[in-house]
């Protein structure tokens, strides 16, 4: 397995960890009646993310943000691997993406302003660099 695919697998496991970090406090805050139910809008009154504490809401948004980032990172890893263009640069970029995503979770959860945005930008730049490198 290429380094990029290994890091992609670790990034997917990070997604699992993020899901747990968000869902445990959300379930404790909302109760089983809401989290186990069908979540019909007329029954809930407002979206669940608006009914949790600010920190749990931030964890929910960080989880969603990683889903978005993981799409591009997956494409970058697959293109790099399938085109047999894994290099030291793409490997460093992959590890940089993962490190940024790991740091992003506490940065978002604890509202590290403006660091959260800078950390996000590092991960995005690493992914973009991998995509561009695959073209050359």
Protein backbone atom coordinates (compact mmCIF):
# COMPACT_ATOMS: atom_id res chain seq x y z
CA UNK A 1 0.00 0.00 0.00
CA UNK A 2 1.30 3.47 -0.83
CA UNK A 3 1.96 5.98 1.90
CA UNK A 4 -0.90 8.08 0.55
CA UNK A 5 -3.36 5.19 0.90
CA UNK A 6 -2.11 4.43 4.40
CA UNK A 7 -2.67 8.03 5.41
CA UNK A 8 -6.09 7.97 3.73
CA UNK A 9 -7.01 4.96 5.85
CA UNK A 10 -5.85 6.79 8.98
CA UNK A 11 -7.87 9.85 7.93
CA UNK A 12 -10.95 7.63 7.60
CA UNK A 13 -10.31 6.28 11.11
CA UNK A 14 -10.00 9.87 12.31
CA UNK A 15 -13.49 10.40 10.88
CA UNK A 16 -14.71 7.51 13.06
CA UNK A 17 -13.09 9.09 16.12
CA UNK A 18 -14.67 12.45 15.28
CA UNK A 19 -18.06 10.81 14.97
CA UNK A 20 -17.68 9.34 18.44
CA UNK A 21 -16.41 12.64 19.88
CA UNK A 22 -19.54 14.34 18.55
CA UNK A 23 -22.16 11.65 19.11
CA UNK A 24 -21.41 10.79 22.73
CA UNK A 25 -21.98 14.30 24.10
CA UNK A 26 -24.87 14.86 21.67
CA UNK A 27 -26.64 11.75 22.96
CA UNK A 28 -26.01 12.77 26.56
CA UNK A 29 -27.31 16.30 25.95
CA UNK A 30 -30.33 15.41 23.82
CA UNK A 31 -31.46 12.14 25.35
CA UNK A 32 -32.47 8.91 23.66
CA UNK A 33 -35.94 10.18 22.80
CA UNK A 34 -34.48 12.52 20.22
CA UNK A 35 -31.42 10.62 19.07
CA UNK A 36 -33.12 7.25 18.63
CA UNK A 37 -36.30 8.67 17.10
CA UNK A 38 -37.03 9.35 13.42
CA UNK A 39 -35.90 12.98 13.78
CA UNK A 40 -38.95 14.34 11.99
CA UNK A 41 -38.76 18.16 11.82
CA UNK A 42 -42.24 18.68 13.29
CA UNK A 43 -41.28 16.53 16.28
CA UNK A 44 -37.87 18.11 16.95
CA UNK A 45 -38.80 21.75 16.54
CA UNK A 46 -35.36 22.65 15.22
CA UNK A 47 -32.30 20.73 13.93
CA UNK A 48 -30.43 18.70 16.53
CA UNK A 49 -27.23 20.68 15.94
CA UNK A 50 -29.08 23.76 17.21
CA UNK A 51 -30.16 21.96 20.39
CA UNK A 52 -26.74 20.92 21.66
CA UNK A 53 -24.12 22.88 23.59
CA UNK A 54 -21.83 25.20 21.64
CA UNK A 55 -18.87 22.79 21.94
CA UNK A 56 -20.89 19.78 20.77
CA UNK A 57 -22.18 21.89 17.89
CA UNK A 58 -18.60 22.75 16.96
CA UNK A 59 -17.67 19.06 17.06
CA UNK A 60 -20.61 18.36 14.74
CA UNK A 61 -19.44 21.06 12.31
CA UNK A 62 -15.84 19.78 12.47
CA UNK A 63 -17.11 16.31 11.58
CA UNK A 64 -19.03 17.68 8.60
CA UNK A 65 -16.02 19.72 7.54
CA UNK A 66 -13.86 16.61 7.54
CA UNK A 67 -16.38 14.83 5.31
CA UNK A 68 -15.95 17.70 2.85
CA UNK A 69 -12.14 17.71 3.06
CA UNK A 70 -11.93 13.94 2.90
CA UNK A 71 -13.56 13.93 -0.54
CA UNK A 72 -10.75 15.96 -2.14
CA UNK A 73 -8.08 14.16 -0.14
CA UNK A 74 -9.42 10.80 -1.27
CA UNK A 75 -9.31 11.93 -4.90
CA UNK A 76 -5.73 13.15 -4.41
CA UNK A 77 -4.65 9.84 -2.87
CA UNK A 78 -6.37 7.69 -5.48
CA UNK A 79 -5.07 9.73 -8.43
CA UNK A 80 -1.55 9.74 -7.00
CA UNK A 81 -1.63 5.99 -6.36
CA UNK A 82 -3.31 4.90 -9.61
CA UNK A 83 -1.02 7.07 -11.71
CA UNK A 84 2.00 5.67 -9.84
CA UNK A 85 3.14 9.18 -8.95
CA UNK A 86 3.82 8.79 -5.26
CA UNK A 87 6.80 10.95 -4.39
CA UNK A 88 8.38 12.37 -1.26
CA UNK A 89 6.33 15.53 -1.89
CA UNK A 90 2.98 13.74 -2.11
CA UNK A 91 3.83 11.64 0.94
CA UNK A 92 4.72 14.72 2.98
CA UNK A 93 1.51 16.38 1.79
CA UNK A 94 -0.53 13.36 2.86
CA UNK A 95 0.97 13.35 6.36
CA UNK A 96 0.54 17.12 6.53
CA UNK A 97 -3.15 16.78 5.66
CA UNK A 98 -3.63 14.20 8.40
CA UNK A 99 -1.76 16.26 11.00
CA UNK A 100 -3.81 19.32 10.09
CA UNK A 101 -7.07 17.36 10.37
CA UNK A 102 -6.06 15.99 13.78
CA UNK A 103 -5.22 19.49 15.03
CA UNK A 104 -8.40 20.86 13.48
CA UNK A 105 -10.64 18.90 15.88
CA UNK A 106 -9.49 20.58 19.12
CA UNK A 107 -9.01 23.86 17.27
CA UNK A 108 -12.69 23.84 16.31
CA UNK A 109 -13.96 22.32 19.56
CA UNK A 110 -12.20 24.92 21.70
CA UNK A 111 -12.74 27.82 19.28
CA UNK A 112 -9.09 28.60 18.62
CA UNK A 113 -9.50 31.78 16.59
CA UNK A 114 -7.92 32.36 14.08
CA UNK A 115 -5.83 29.16 14.35
CA UNK A 116 -8.68 26.87 13.29
CA UNK A 117 -8.82 28.59 9.90
CA UNK A 118 -5.03 28.48 9.49
CA UNK A 119 -4.97 24.77 10.33
CA UNK A 120 -7.76 24.13 7.83
CA UNK A 121 -5.81 26.06 5.17
CA UNK A 122 -2.70 23.91 5.73
CA UNK A 123 -4.70 20.73 5.10
CA UNK A 124 -6.40 22.22 2.06
CA UNK A 125 -3.07 23.39 0.62
CA UNK A 126 -1.53 19.94 1.17
CA UNK A 127 -4.42 18.31 -0.70
CA UNK A 128 -4.25 20.84 -3.52
CA UNK A 129 -0.50 20.31 -3.84
CA UNK A 130 -1.05 16.57 -4.18
CA UNK A 131 -3.60 17.13 -6.95
CA UNK A 132 -1.35 19.51 -8.85
CA UNK A 133 1.66 17.18 -8.41
CA UNK A 134 -0.34 14.37 -10.01
CA UNK A 135 -0.67 16.44 -13.17
CA UNK A 136 3.11 16.76 -13.63
